[in-house]
Amino acid sequence: MIDAAPQTLADCLSHLPPVVRLRLLAFMHLVEDPAAMKAALEITPSGSMRLTLDAAVTPCPTHHH
């Protein structure tokens, strides 16, 4: 079951729109290396939230998302 998990996850992710995959990737980078990302959380009085992630490092040119 453990061996199949990465492939199953990759299959699920391939069905998501590109912008969703990009957001998930940015969030994963934040979790893995918080020092490499800047995060800003905005909460409006109505209760809506916006999380903005900004990479503090230049990504490798081979990664195109």
Protein backbone atom coordinates (compact mmCIF):
# COMPACT_ATOMS: atom_id res chain seq x y z
CA MET A 1 0.00 0.00 0.00
CA ILE A 2 2.85 2.40 0.84
CA ASP A 3 4.49 1.77 -2.54
CA ALA A 4 1.27 2.64 -4.41
CA ALA A 5 0.58 5.87 -2.50
CA PRO A 6 2.90 8.17 -4.52
CA GLN A 7 1.48 6.95 -7.83
CA THR A 8 -2.09 7.26 -6.59
CA LEU A 9 -1.40 10.80 -5.39
CA ALA A 10 0.22 11.69 -8.73
CA ASP A 11 -2.82 10.32 -10.56
CA CYS A 12 -5.16 12.41 -8.40
CA LEU A 13 -3.08 15.56 -8.85
CA SER A 14 -3.03 15.14 -12.62
CA HIS A 15 -6.82 15.68 -12.66
CA LEU A 16 -6.60 19.04 -10.91
CA PRO A 17 -6.42 22.32 -12.83
CA PRO A 18 -2.87 23.73 -13.19
CA VAL A 19 -3.55 26.66 -10.83
CA VAL A 20 -4.64 24.26 -8.07
CA ARG A 21 -1.52 22.14 -8.56
CA LEU A 22 0.61 25.28 -8.34
CA ARG A 23 -1.09 26.37 -5.12
CA LEU A 24 -0.61 22.93 -3.59
CA LEU A 25 3.05 22.91 -4.61
CA ALA A 26 3.61 26.34 -3.07
CA PHE A 27 1.95 25.22 0.16
CA MET A 28 4.08 22.06 0.23
CA HIS A 29 7.23 24.19 -0.16
CA LEU A 30 6.06 26.36 2.75
CA VAL A 31 5.58 23.29 4.95
CA GLU A 32 8.89 21.69 3.91
CA ASP A 33 11.07 24.80 4.20
CA PRO A 34 9.32 27.75 5.86
CA ALA A 35 12.49 29.86 5.77
CA ALA A 36 12.49 29.79 1.96
CA MET A 37 8.97 31.21 1.68
CA LYS A 38 7.31 34.40 2.82
CA ALA A 39 3.67 33.98 3.82
CA ALA A 40 1.02 36.61 4.40
CA LEU A 41 -2.45 35.75 5.69
CA GLU A 42 -5.18 38.35 5.23
CA ILE A 43 -8.57 37.98 6.89
CA THR A 44 -11.35 40.40 6.00
CA PRO A 45 -14.10 41.44 8.41
CA SER A 46 -16.51 39.29 6.38
CA GLY A 47 -14.39 36.23 7.19
CA SER A 48 -12.79 35.56 3.81
CA MET A 49 -9.12 34.61 3.91
CA ARG A 50 -6.24 34.99 1.49
CA LEU A 51 -2.89 33.27 1.93
CA THR A 52 -0.16 34.75 -0.24
CA LEU A 53 3.06 32.76 -0.64
CA ASP A 54 6.18 34.29 -2.12
CA ALA A 55 9.38 32.34 -2.77
CA ALA A 56 12.42 33.90 -1.18
CA VAL A 57 14.64 31.93 -3.59
CA THR A 58 14.71 31.73 -7.36
CA PRO A 59 13.29 28.40 -8.55
CA CYS A 60 15.32 26.07 -10.69
CA PRO A 61 14.70 26.79 -14.41
CA THR A 62 13.76 23.15 -15.02
CA HIS A 63 10.65 23.50 -12.83
CA HIS A 64 7.80 24.90 -14.87
CA HIS A 65 4.36 24.80 -13.22
